[in-house]
């Protein structure tokens, strides 16, 4: 099943994030359960590198303390939450390097980083 063109959202969804500040890994407790959490202060960017919004990302536990300032492509999966709602969840952040600014352009083009 695909979405009909008439149903495609009229707004642009973020494709990349720029991490501005990585917060500390914090110890928390909910009822009797202890856990750790970390948040990233980010700018959500579209495909062309244009800033869309500023917000916070909760870091997956396996990435606590490993994410620093820079540009990333978020990788999402699906999970069922406590209310049995299927929702997207961040599972990884893949680093990438924006392409250098071209002459006559003041914006970066978020081309994927090369692996070599």
PDB file of N, CA and C in Angstrom:
ATOM      1  N   UNK A   1       0.845  -1.168   0.000  1.00  0.00           N
ATOM      2  CA  UNK A   1       0.000   0.000   0.000  1.00  0.00           C
ATOM      3  C   UNK A   1       0.887   1.226   0.000  1.00  0.00           C
ATOM      4  N   UNK A   2       0.651   2.152  -0.884  1.00  0.00           N
ATOM      5  CA  UNK A   2       1.430   3.383  -0.899  1.00  0.00           C
ATOM      6  C   UNK A   2       0.495   4.563  -0.671  1.00  0.00           C
ATOM      7  N   UNK A   3       1.092   5.647  -0.265  1.00  0.00           N
ATOM      8  CA  UNK A   3       0.313   6.853   0.005  1.00  0.00           C
ATOM      9  C   UNK A   3      -0.007   7.558  -1.300  1.00  0.00           C
ATOM     10  N   UNK A   4      -1.247   7.919  -1.475  1.00  0.00           N
ATOM     11  CA  UNK A   4      -1.688   8.676  -2.638  1.00  0.00           C
ATOM     12  C   UNK A   4      -1.027  10.051  -2.602  1.00  0.00           C
ATOM     13  N   UNK A   5      -0.628  10.580  -3.763  1.00  0.00           N
ATOM     14  CA  UNK A   5       0.016  11.889  -3.827  1.00  0.00           C
ATOM     15  C   UNK A   5      -0.811  12.968  -3.136  1.00  0.00           C
ATOM     16  N   UNK A   6      -2.121  12.870  -3.180  1.00  0.00           N
ATOM     17  CA  UNK A   6      -2.978  13.872  -2.552  1.00  0.00           C
ATOM     18  C   UNK A   6      -2.876  13.811  -1.036  1.00  0.00           C
ATOM     19  N   UNK A   7      -2.389  12.692  -0.475  1.00  0.00           N
ATOM     20  CA  UNK A   7      -2.290  12.532   0.973  1.00  0.00           C
ATOM     21  C   UNK A   7      -0.896  12.820   1.524  1.00  0.00           C
ATOM     22  N   UNK A   8       0.080  13.100   0.651  1.00  0.00           N
ATOM     23  CA  UNK A   8       1.435  13.387   1.103  1.00  0.00           C
ATOM     24  C   UNK A   8       1.433  14.686   1.897  1.00  0.00           C
ATOM     25  N   UNK A   9       2.094  14.711   3.066  1.00  0.00           N
ATOM     26  CA  UNK A   9       2.101  15.938   3.870  1.00  0.00           C
ATOM     27  C   UNK A   9       2.668  17.121   3.099  1.00  0.00           C
ATOM     28  N   UNK A  10       2.137  18.296   3.376  1.00  0.00           N
ATOM     29  CA  UNK A  10       2.567  19.523   2.700  1.00  0.00           C
ATOM     30  C   UNK A  10       3.777  20.143   3.387  1.00  0.00           C
ATOM     31  N   UNK A  11       4.263  19.546   4.467  1.00  0.00           N
ATOM     32  CA  UNK A  11       5.407  20.083   5.172  1.00  0.00           C
ATOM     33  C   UNK A  11       6.613  19.166   4.972  1.00  0.00           C
ATOM     34  N   UNK A  12       7.802  19.707   5.218  1.00  0.00           N
ATOM     35  CA  UNK A  12       9.035  18.956   5.033  1.00  0.00           C
ATOM     36  C   UNK A  12       9.413  18.285   6.349  1.00  0.00           C
ATOM     37  N   UNK A  13       9.718  16.997   6.295  1.00  0.00           N
ATOM     38  CA  UNK A  13      10.166  16.276   7.474  1.00  0.00           C
ATOM     39  C   UNK A  13      11.690  16.295   7.535  1.00  0.00           C
ATOM     40  N   UNK A  14      12.264  16.347   8.741  1.00  0.00           N
ATOM     41  CA  UNK A  14      13.725  16.368   8.864  1.00  0.00           C
ATOM     42  C   UNK A  14      14.365  15.092   8.325  1.00  0.00           C
ATOM     43  N   UNK A  15      15.540  15.233   7.729  1.00  0.00           N
ATOM     44  CA  UNK A  15      16.303  14.097   7.226  1.00  0.00           C
ATOM     45  C   UNK A  15      17.580  13.880   8.031  1.00  0.00           C
ATOM     46  N   UNK A  16      18.110  14.953   8.597  1.00  0.00           N
ATOM     47  CA  UNK A  16      19.374  14.926   9.316  1.00  0.00           C
ATOM     48  C   UNK A  16      19.242  15.744  10.586  1.00  0.00           C
ATOM     49  N   UNK A  17      20.196  15.566  11.491  1.00  0.00           N
ATOM     50  CA  UNK A  17      20.264  16.421  12.677  1.00  0.00           C
ATOM     51  C   UNK A  17      21.690  16.921  12.849  1.00  0.00           C
ATOM     52  N   UNK A  18      21.787  18.114  13.381  1.00  0.00           N
ATOM     53  CA  UNK A  18      23.080  18.653  13.787  1.00  0.00           C
ATOM     54  C   UNK A  18      23.061  18.695  15.315  1.00  0.00           C
ATOM     55  N   UNK A  19      23.935  17.917  15.941  1.00  0.00           N
ATOM     56  CA  UNK A  19      24.021  17.918  17.397  1.00  0.00           C
ATOM     57  C   UNK A  19      24.814  19.146  17.819  1.00  0.00           C
ATOM     58  N   UNK A  20      24.157  19.998  18.604  1.00  0.00           N
ATOM     59  CA  UNK A  20      24.779  21.224  19.103  1.00  0.00           C
ATOM     60  C   UNK A  20      25.457  20.964  20.446  1.00  0.00           C
ATOM     61  N   UNK A  21      24.787  20.164  21.291  1.00  0.00           N
ATOM     62  CA  UNK A  21      25.328  19.873  22.619  1.00  0.00           C
ATOM     63  C   UNK A  21      24.830  18.507  23.082  1.00  0.00           C
ATOM     64  N   UNK A  22      25.771  17.691  23.550  1.00  0.00           N
ATOM     65  CA  UNK A  22      25.412  16.401  24.146  1.00  0.00           C
ATOM     66  C   UNK A  22      25.328  16.596  25.652  1.00  0.00           C
ATOM     67  N   UNK A  23      24.176  16.301  26.216  1.00  0.00           N
ATOM     68  CA  UNK A  23      24.001  16.416  27.654  1.00  0.00           C
ATOM     69  C   UNK A  23      24.701  15.281  28.380  1.00  0.00           C
ATOM     70  N   UNK A  24      24.785  15.371  29.702  1.00  0.00           N
ATOM     71  CA  UNK A  24      25.436  14.307  30.475  1.00  0.00           C
ATOM     72  C   UNK A  24      24.562  13.056  30.544  1.00  0.00           C
ATOM     73  N   UNK A  25      25.204  11.920  30.757  1.00  0.00           N
ATOM     74  CA  UNK A  25      24.461  10.688  31.030  1.00  0.00           C
ATOM     75  C   UNK A  25      24.016  10.796  32.487  1.00  0.00           C
ATOM     76  N   UNK A  26      22.706  10.698  32.712  1.00  0.00           N
ATOM     77  CA  UNK A  26      22.148  10.902  34.048  1.00  0.00           C
ATOM     78  C   UNK A  26      21.511   9.623  34.579  1.00  0.00           C
ATOM     79  N   UNK A  27      21.634   9.428  35.888  1.00  0.00           N
ATOM     80  CA  UNK A  27      20.948   8.329  36.560  1.00  0.00           C
ATOM     81  C   UNK A  27      19.548   8.792  36.919  1.00  0.00           C
ATOM     82  N   UNK A  28      18.557   7.984  36.594  1.00  0.00           N
ATOM     83  CA  UNK A  28      17.153   8.297  36.896  1.00  0.00           C
ATOM     84  C   UNK A  28      16.514   7.097  37.560  1.00  0.00           C
ATOM     85  N   UNK A  29      15.309   7.314  38.090  1.00  0.00           N
ATOM     86  CA  UNK A  29      14.554   6.215  38.690  1.00  0.00           C
ATOM     87  C   UNK A  29      13.077   6.444  38.438  1.00  0.00           C
ATOM     88  N   UNK A  30      12.392   5.388  38.019  1.00  0.00           N
ATOM     89  CA  UNK A  30      10.938   5.407  37.852  1.00  0.00           C
ATOM     90  C   UNK A  30      10.383   4.287  38.707  1.00  0.00           C
ATOM     91  N   UNK A  31       9.631   4.651  39.720  1.00  0.00           N
ATOM     92  CA  UNK A  31       9.165   3.697  40.728  1.00  0.00           C
ATOM     93  C   UNK A  31      10.397   2.985  41.303  1.00  0.00           C
ATOM     94  N   UNK A  32      10.521   1.678  41.166  1.00  0.00           N
ATOM     95  CA  UNK A  32      11.679   0.960  41.704  1.00  0.00           C
ATOM     96  C   UNK A  32      12.745   0.668  40.646  1.00  0.00           C
ATOM     97  N   UNK A  33      12.527   1.138  39.433  1.00  0.00           N
ATOM     98  CA  UNK A  33      13.446   0.819  38.332  1.00  0.00           C
ATOM     99  C   UNK A  33      14.439   1.951  38.109  1.00  0.00           C
ATOM    100  N   UNK A  34      15.735   1.630  38.226  1.00  0.00           N
ATOM    101  CA  UNK A  34      16.787   2.610  37.955  1.00  0.00           C
ATOM    102  C   UNK A  34      17.227   2.468  36.500  1.00  0.00           C
ATOM    103  N   UNK A  35      17.547   3.600  35.881  1.00  0.00           N
ATOM    104  CA  UNK A  35      18.016   3.579  34.496  1.00  0.00           C
ATOM    105  C   UNK A  35      18.864   4.817  34.234  1.00  0.00           C
ATOM    106  N   UNK A  36      19.530   4.837  33.095  1.00  0.00           N
ATOM    107  CA  UNK A  36      20.342   5.975  32.685  1.00  0.00           C
ATOM    108  C   UNK A  36      19.695   6.605  31.464  1.00  0.00           C
ATOM    109  N   UNK A  37      19.912   7.898  31.312  1.00  0.00           N
ATOM    110  CA  UNK A  37      19.354   8.612  30.174  1.00  0.00           C
ATOM    111  C   UNK A  37      20.328   9.701  29.724  1.00  0.00           C
ATOM    112  N   UNK A  38      20.242  10.051  28.465  1.00  0.00           N
ATOM    113  CA  UNK A  38      21.039  11.143  27.915  1.00  0.00           C
ATOM    114  C   UNK A  38      20.234  11.803  26.805  1.00  0.00           C
ATOM    115  N   UNK A  39      20.348  13.122  26.708  1.00  0.00           N
ATOM    116  CA  UNK A  39      19.663  13.866  25.661  1.00  0.00           C
ATOM    117  C   UNK A  39      20.656  14.693  24.865  1.00  0.00           C
ATOM    118  N   UNK A  40      20.313  14.910  23.594  1.00  0.00           N
ATOM    119  CA  UNK A  40      21.120  15.723  22.695  1.00  0.00           C
ATOM    120  C   UNK A  40      20.317  16.943  22.276  1.00  0.00           C
ATOM    121  N   UNK A  41      20.913  18.119  22.377  1.00  0.00           N
ATOM    122  CA  UNK A  41      20.293  19.340  21.852  1.00  0.00           C
ATOM    123  C   UNK A  41      20.640  19.381  20.369  1.00  0.00           C
ATOM    124  N   UNK A  42      19.626  19.462  19.502  1.00  0.00           N
ATOM    125  CA  UNK A  42      19.838  19.315  18.059  1.00  0.00           C
ATOM    126  C   UNK A  42      19.073  20.344  17.238  1.00  0.00           C
ATOM    127  N   UNK A  43      19.536  20.500  16.002  1.00  0.00           N
ATOM    128  CA  UNK A  43      18.801  21.231  14.970  1.00  0.00           C
ATOM    129  C   UNK A  43      18.393  20.191  13.932  1.00  0.00           C
ATOM    130  N   UNK A  44      17.109  20.098  13.639  1.00  0.00           N
ATOM    131  CA  UNK A  44      16.616  19.196  12.598  1.00  0.00           C
ATOM    132  C   UNK A  44      16.805  19.879  11.243  1.00  0.00           C
ATOM    133  N   UNK A  45      17.381  19.155  10.287  1.00  0.00           N
ATOM    134  CA  UNK A  45      17.708  19.698   8.966  1.00  0.00           C
ATOM    135  C   UNK A  45      16.976  18.942   7.873  1.00  0.00           C
ATOM    136  N   UNK A  46      16.613  19.649   6.802  1.00  0.00           N
ATOM    137  CA  UNK A  46      16.010  18.970   5.655  1.00  0.00           C
ATOM    138  C   UNK A  46      17.115  18.430   4.743  1.00  0.00           C
ATOM    139  N   UNK A  47      16.739  17.847   3.601  1.00  0.00           N
ATOM    140  CA  UNK A  47      17.709  17.256   2.671  1.00  0.00           C
ATOM    141  C   UNK A  47      18.746  18.251   2.164  1.00  0.00           C
ATOM    142  N   UNK A  48      18.379  19.523   2.083  1.00  0.00           N
ATOM    143  CA  UNK A  48      19.292  20.549   1.579  1.00  0.00           C
ATOM    144  C   UNK A  48      20.138  21.173   2.686  1.00  0.00           C
ATOM    145  N   UNK A  49      19.961  20.720   3.922  1.00  0.00           N
ATOM    146  CA  UNK A  49      20.735  21.273   5.028  1.00  0.00           C
ATOM    147  C   UNK A  49      20.108  22.491   5.672  1.00  0.00           C
ATOM    148  N   UNK A  50      18.871  22.806   5.302  1.00  0.00           N
ATOM    149  CA  UNK A  50      18.168  23.946   5.882  1.00  0.00           C
ATOM    150  C   UNK A  50      17.647  23.582   7.267  1.00  0.00           C
ATOM    151  N   UNK A  51      17.847  24.468   8.221  1.00  0.00           N
ATOM    152  CA  UNK A  51      17.344  24.246   9.582  1.00  0.00           C
ATOM    153  C   UNK A  51      15.826  24.308   9.576  1.00  0.00           C
ATOM    154  N   UNK A  52      15.192  23.316  10.222  1.00  0.00           N
ATOM    155  CA  UNK A  52      13.735  23.262  10.296  1.00  0.00           C
ATOM    156  C   UNK A  52      13.238  23.594  11.702  1.00  0.00           C
ATOM    157  N   UNK A  53      13.821  22.955  12.700  1.00  0.00           N
ATOM    158  CA  UNK A  53      13.407  23.146  14.081  1.00  0.00           C
ATOM    159  C   UNK A  53      14.559  22.811  15.005  1.00  0.00           C
ATOM    160  N   UNK A  54      14.450  23.281  16.235  1.00  0.00           N
ATOM    161  CA  UNK A  54      15.404  22.940  17.279  1.00  0.00           C
ATOM    162  C   UNK A  54      14.689  22.030  18.262  1.00  0.00           C
ATOM    163  N   UNK A  55      15.367  20.983  18.731  1.00  0.00           N
ATOM    164  CA  UNK A  55      14.727  20.075  19.664  1.00  0.00           C
ATOM    165  C   UNK A  55      15.719  19.178  20.367  1.00  0.00           C
ATOM    166  N   UNK A  56      15.182  18.208  21.075  1.00  0.00           N
ATOM    167  CA  UNK A  56      15.972  17.291  21.889  1.00  0.00           C
ATOM    168  C   UNK A  56      15.736  15.865  21.402  1.00  0.00           C
ATOM    169  N   UNK A  57      16.807  15.077  21.353  1.00  0.00           N
ATOM    170  CA  UNK A  57      16.721  13.652  21.021  1.00  0.00           C
ATOM    171  C   UNK A  57      17.160  12.866  22.242  1.00  0.00           C
ATOM    172  N   UNK A  58      16.398  11.829  22.603  1.00  0.00           N
ATOM    173  CA  UNK A  58      16.823  10.897  23.644  1.00  0.00           C
ATOM    174  C   UNK A  58      17.759   9.886  22.999  1.00  0.00           C
ATOM    175  N   UNK A  59      18.929   9.696  23.597  1.00  0.00           N
ATOM    176  CA  UNK A  59      19.952   8.813  23.045  1.00  0.00           C
ATOM    177  C   UNK A  59      19.645   7.358  23.422  1.00  0.00           C
ATOM    178  N   UNK A  60      19.705   6.423  22.457  1.00  0.00           N
ATOM    179  CA  UNK A  60      19.542   5.010  22.803  1.00  0.00           C
ATOM    180  C   UNK A  60      20.645   4.587  23.785  1.00  0.00           C
ATOM    181  N   UNK A  61      20.325   3.671  24.687  1.00  0.00           N
ATOM    182  CA  UNK A  61      21.254   3.269  25.751  1.00  0.00           C
ATOM    183  C   UNK A  61      22.624   2.842  25.226  1.00  0.00           C
ATOM    184  N   UNK A  62      22.673   2.139  24.101  1.00  0.00           N
ATOM    185  CA  UNK A  62      23.964   1.664  23.587  1.00  0.00           C
ATOM    186  C   UNK A  62      24.849   2.791  23.054  1.00  0.00           C
ATOM    187  N   UNK A  63      24.308   4.014  22.936  1.00  0.00           N
ATOM    188  CA  UNK A  63      25.091   5.163  22.464  1.00  0.00           C
ATOM    189  C   UNK A  63      25.401   6.179  23.571  1.00  0.00           C
ATOM    190  N   UNK A  64      24.983   5.893  24.804  1.00  0.00           N
ATOM    191  CA  UNK A  64      25.241   6.838  25.900  1.00  0.00           C
ATOM    192  C   UNK A  64      26.722   7.182  25.971  1.00  0.00           C
ATOM    193  N   UNK A  65      27.013   8.481  26.004  1.00  0.00           N
ATOM    194  CA  UNK A  65      28.383   8.962  26.125  1.00  0.00           C
ATOM    195  C   UNK A  65      29.210   8.884  24.865  1.00  0.00           C
ATOM    196  N   UNK A  66      28.641   8.447  23.740  1.00  0.00           N
ATOM    197  CA  UNK A  66      29.407   8.260  22.508  1.00  0.00           C
ATOM    198  C   UNK A  66      29.115   9.284  21.420  1.00  0.00           C
ATOM    199  N   UNK A  67      28.073  10.089  21.596  1.00  0.00           N
ATOM    200  CA  UNK A  67      27.679  11.039  20.555  1.00  0.00           C
ATOM    201  C   UNK A  67      28.211  12.419  20.921  1.00  0.00           C
ATOM    202  N   UNK A  68      28.872  13.067  19.972  1.00  0.00           N
ATOM    203  CA  UNK A  68      29.411  14.406  20.200  1.00  0.00           C
ATOM    204  C   UNK A  68      28.823  15.373  19.168  1.00  0.00           C
ATOM    205  N   UNK A  69      29.261  16.627  19.248  1.00  0.00           N
ATOM    206  CA  UNK A  69      28.789  17.619  18.274  1.00  0.00           C
ATOM    207  C   UNK A  69      29.076  17.141  16.862  1.00  0.00           C
ATOM    208  N   UNK A  70      28.157  17.452  15.951  1.00  0.00           N
ATOM    209  CA  UNK A  70      28.364  17.074  14.562  1.00  0.00           C
ATOM    210  C   UNK A  70      27.043  16.820  13.858  1.00  0.00           C
ATOM    211  N   UNK A  71      27.148  16.274  12.658  1.00  0.00           N
ATOM    212  CA  UNK A  71      25.983  15.994  11.824  1.00  0.00           C
ATOM    213  C   UNK A  71      25.730  14.492  11.790  1.00  0.00           C
ATOM    214  N   UNK A  72      24.443  14.124  11.844  1.00  0.00           N
ATOM    215  CA  UNK A  72      24.069  12.714  11.891  1.00  0.00           C
ATOM    216  C   UNK A  72      22.804  12.469  11.076  1.00  0.00           C
ATOM    217  N   UNK A  73      22.716  11.235  10.562  1.00  0.00           N
ATOM    218  CA  UNK A  73      21.487  10.756   9.919  1.00  0.00           C
ATOM    219  C   UNK A  73      20.850   9.794  10.918  1.00  0.00           C
ATOM    220  N   UNK A  74      19.646  10.118  11.429  1.00  0.00           N
ATOM    221  CA  UNK A  74      18.998   9.215  12.377  1.00  0.00           C
ATOM    222  C   UNK A  74      18.495   7.943  11.698  1.00  0.00           C
ATOM    223  N   UNK A  75      18.580   6.825  12.407  1.00  0.00           N
ATOM    224  CA  UNK A  75      18.063   5.542  11.940  1.00  0.00           C
ATOM    225  C   UNK A  75      16.953   5.142  12.912  1.00  0.00           C
ATOM    226  N   UNK A  76      15.772   4.882  12.366  1.00  0.00           N
ATOM    227  CA  UNK A  76      14.613   4.564  13.195  1.00  0.00           C
ATOM    228  C   UNK A  76      14.161   3.130  12.989  1.00  0.00           C
ATOM    229  N   UNK A  77      13.576   2.569  14.041  1.00  0.00           N
ATOM    230  CA  UNK A  77      12.928   1.266  14.002  1.00  0.00           C
ATOM    231  C   UNK A  77      11.527   1.440  14.575  1.00  0.00           C
ATOM    232  N   UNK A  78      10.853   0.342  14.834  1.00  0.00           N
ATOM    233  CA  UNK A  78       9.502   0.393  15.392  1.00  0.00           C
ATOM    234  C   UNK A  78       9.466  -0.394  16.693  1.00  0.00           C
ATOM    235  N   UNK A  79       8.601   0.039  17.623  1.00  0.00           N
ATOM    236  CA  UNK A  79       8.381  -0.709  18.859  1.00  0.00           C
ATOM    237  C   UNK A  79       6.943  -0.500  19.305  1.00  0.00           C
ATOM    238  N   UNK A  80       6.512  -1.361  20.202  1.00  0.00           N
ATOM    239  CA  UNK A  80       5.187  -1.235  20.795  1.00  0.00           C
ATOM    240  C   UNK A  80       5.396  -0.656  22.192  1.00  0.00           C
ATOM    241  N   UNK A  81       4.758   0.487  22.488  1.00  0.00           N
ATOM    242  CA  UNK A  81       4.941   1.118  23.794  1.00  0.00           C
ATOM    243  C   UNK A  81       4.012   0.511  24.843  1.00  0.00           C
ATOM    244  N   UNK A  82       4.042   1.061  26.060  1.00  0.00           N
ATOM    245  CA  UNK A  82       3.234   0.502  27.163  1.00  0.00           C
ATOM    246  C   UNK A  82       1.738   0.547  26.901  1.00  0.00           C
ATOM    247  N   UNK A  83       1.306   1.485  26.055  1.00  0.00           N
ATOM    248  CA  UNK A  83      -0.121   1.593  25.723  1.00  0.00           C
ATOM    249  C   UNK A  83      -0.476   0.763  24.487  1.00  0.00           C
ATOM    250  N   UNK A  84       0.473  -0.091  24.041  1.00  0.00           N
ATOM    251  CA  UNK A  84       0.308  -0.960  22.879  1.00  0.00           C
ATOM    252  C   UNK A  84       0.244  -0.209  21.562  1.00  0.00           C
ATOM    253  N   UNK A  85       0.770   1.012  21.528  1.00  0.00           N
ATOM    254  CA  UNK A  85       0.815   1.805  20.299  1.00  0.00           C
ATOM    255  C   UNK A  85       2.150   1.534  19.611  1.00  0.00           C
ATOM    256  N   UNK A  86       2.094   1.194  18.347  1.00  0.00           N
ATOM    257  CA  UNK A  86       3.318   1.005  17.572  1.00  0.00           C
ATOM    258  C   UNK A  86       3.832   2.385  17.202  1.00  0.00           C
ATOM    259  N   UNK A  87       5.125   2.627  17.518  1.00  0.00           N
ATOM    260  CA  UNK A  87       5.693   3.957  17.303  1.00  0.00           C
ATOM    261  C   UNK A  87       7.130   3.845  16.811  1.00  0.00           C
ATOM    262  N   UNK A  88       7.610   4.873  16.110  1.00  0.00           N
ATOM    263  CA  UNK A  88       9.018   4.871  15.701  1.00  0.00           C
ATOM    264  C   UNK A  88       9.897   5.153  16.914  1.00  0.00           C
ATOM    265  N   UNK A  89      11.107   4.606  16.876  1.00  0.00           N
ATOM    266  CA  UNK A  89      12.071   4.827  17.948  1.00  0.00           C
ATOM    267  C   UNK A  89      13.467   4.940  17.325  1.00  0.00           C
ATOM    268  N   UNK A  90      14.257   5.876  17.836  1.00  0.00           N
ATOM    269  CA  UNK A  90      15.619   6.061  17.352  1.00  0.00           C
ATOM    270  C   UNK A  90      16.470   4.870  17.779  1.00  0.00           C
ATOM    271  N   UNK A  91      17.146   4.230  16.815  1.00  0.00           N
ATOM    272  CA  UNK A  91      17.996   3.095  17.165  1.00  0.00           C
ATOM    273  C   UNK A  91      19.470   3.371  16.884  1.00  0.00           C
ATOM    274  N   UNK A  92      19.772   4.383  16.060  1.00  0.00           N
ATOM    275  CA  UNK A  92      21.172   4.694  15.777  1.00  0.00           C
ATOM    276  C   UNK A  92      21.282   6.095  15.188  1.00  0.00           C
ATOM    277  N   UNK A  93      22.476   6.642  15.271  1.00  0.00           N
ATOM    278  CA  UNK A  93      22.811   7.912  14.630  1.00  0.00           C
ATOM    279  C   UNK A  93      24.058   7.663  13.783  1.00  0.00           C
ATOM    280  N   UNK A  94      23.934   7.808  12.476  1.00  0.00           N
ATOM    281  CA  UNK A  94      25.049   7.586  11.559  1.00  0.00           C
ATOM    282  C   UNK A  94      25.708   8.926  11.246  1.00  0.00           C
ATOM    283  N   UNK A  95      26.997   9.098  11.584  1.00  0.00           N
ATOM    284  CA  UNK A  95      27.661  10.371  11.287  1.00  0.00           C
ATOM    285  C   UNK A  95      27.739  10.615   9.784  1.00  0.00           C
ATOM    286  N   UNK A  96      27.696  11.873   9.388  1.00  0.00           N
ATOM    287  CA  UNK A  96      27.942  12.229   7.993  1.00  0.00           C
ATOM    288  C   UNK A  96      28.574  13.603   7.955  1.00  0.00           C
ATOM    289  N   UNK A  97      29.223  13.890   6.840  1.00  0.00           N
ATOM    290  CA  UNK A  97      29.882  15.177   6.643  1.00  0.00           C
ATOM    291  C   UNK A  97      29.143  15.941   5.573  1.00  0.00           C
ATOM    292  N   UNK A  98      28.702  17.172   5.883  1.00  0.00           N
ATOM    293  CA  UNK A  98      28.088  17.973   4.825  1.00  0.00           C
ATOM    294  C   UNK A  98      29.130  18.284   3.747  1.00  0.00           C
ATOM    295  N   UNK A  99      28.688  18.387   2.511  1.00  0.00           N
ATOM    296  CA  UNK A  99      29.585  18.759   1.421  1.00  0.00           C
ATOM    297  C   UNK A  99      30.053  20.187   1.646  1.00  0.00           C
ATOM    298  N   UNK A 100      31.249  20.542   1.158  1.00  0.00           N
ATOM    299  CA  UNK A 100      31.723  21.924   1.313  1.00  0.00           C
ATOM    300  C   UNK A 100      30.771  22.896   0.625  1.00  0.00           C
ATOM    301  N   UNK A 101      30.775  24.126   1.130  1.00  0.00           N
ATOM    302  CA  UNK A 101      29.940  25.162   0.522  1.00  0.00           C
ATOM    303  C   UNK A 101      30.383  25.401  -0.909  1.00  0.00           C
ATOM    304  N   UNK A 102      29.405  25.484  -1.821  1.00  0.00           N
ATOM    305  CA  UNK A 102      29.733  25.775  -3.212  1.00  0.00           C
ATOM    306  C   UNK A 102      29.803  27.287  -3.398  1.00  0.00           C
ATOM    307  N   UNK A 103      30.497  27.730  -4.422  1.00  0.00           N
ATOM    308  CA  UNK A 103      30.594  29.161  -4.697  1.00  0.00           C
ATOM    309  C   UNK A 103      29.202  29.703  -4.967  1.00  0.00           C
ATOM    310  N   UNK A 104      28.845  30.791  -4.321  1.00  0.00           N
ATOM    311  CA  UNK A 104      27.536  31.389  -4.515  1.00  0.00           C
ATOM    312  C   UNK A 104      26.468  30.795  -3.621  1.00  0.00           C
ATOM    313  N   UNK A 105      26.824  29.832  -2.785  1.00  0.00           N
ATOM    314  CA  UNK A 105      25.850  29.237  -1.875  1.00  0.00           C
ATOM    315  C   UNK A 105      26.318  29.425  -0.447  1.00  0.00           C
ATOM    316  N   UNK A 106      25.403  29.825   0.405  1.00  0.00           N
ATOM    317  CA  UNK A 106      25.744  30.028   1.814  1.00  0.00           C
ATOM    318  C   UNK A 106      25.316  28.848   2.659  1.00  0.00           C
ATOM    319  N   UNK A 107      24.775  27.808   2.048  1.00  0.00           N
ATOM    320  CA  UNK A 107      24.259  26.658   2.778  1.00  0.00           C
ATOM    321  C   UNK A 107      25.083  25.415   2.460  1.00  0.00           C
ATOM    322  N   UNK A 108      25.188  24.513   3.420  1.00  0.00           N
ATOM    323  CA  UNK A 108      25.879  23.247   3.210  1.00  0.00           C
ATOM    324  C   UNK A 108      24.931  22.235   2.597  1.00  0.00           C
ATOM    325  N   UNK A 109      25.472  21.358   1.756  1.00  0.00           N
ATOM    326  CA  UNK A 109      24.676  20.269   1.184  1.00  0.00           C
ATOM    327  C   UNK A 109      25.001  19.007   1.955  1.00  0.00           C
ATOM    328  N   UNK A 110      24.022  18.395   2.649  1.00  0.00           N
ATOM    329  CA  UNK A 110      24.326  17.239   3.504  1.00  0.00           C
ATOM    330  C   UNK A 110      24.556  15.961   2.735  1.00  0.00           C
ATOM    331  N   UNK A 111      25.702  15.870   2.046  1.00  0.00           N
ATOM    332  CA  UNK A 111      26.032  14.648   1.342  1.00  0.00           C
ATOM    333  C   UNK A 111      26.557  13.633   2.340  1.00  0.00           C
ATOM    334  N   UNK A 112      26.264  12.363   2.154  1.00  0.00           N
ATOM    335  CA  UNK A 112      26.740  11.349   3.087  1.00  0.00           C
ATOM    336  C   UNK A 112      28.258  11.325   3.159  1.00  0.00           C
ATOM    337  N   UNK A 113      28.804  10.999   4.315  1.00  0.00           N
ATOM    338  CA  UNK A 113      30.227  10.915   4.510  1.00  0.00           C
ATOM    339  C   UNK A 113      30.761   9.705   3.756  1.00  0.00           C
ATOM    340  N   UNK A 114      31.967   9.824   3.257  1.00  0.00           N
ATOM    341  CA  UNK A 114      32.582   8.670   2.594  1.00  0.00           C
ATOM    342  C   UNK A 114      33.157   7.754   3.661  1.00  0.00           C
ATOM    343  N   UNK A 115      33.199   6.470   3.387  1.00  0.00           N
ATOM    344  CA  UNK A 115      33.674   5.466   4.339  1.00  0.00           C
ATOM    345  C   UNK A 115      35.156   5.209   4.189  1.00  0.00           C
ATOM    346  N   UNK A 116      35.867   6.003   3.427  1.00  0.00           N
ATOM    347  CA  UNK A 116      37.261   5.672   3.210  1.00  0.00           C
ATOM    348  C   UNK A 116      38.125   6.764   3.480  1.00  0.00           C
TER     349      UNK A 116
END
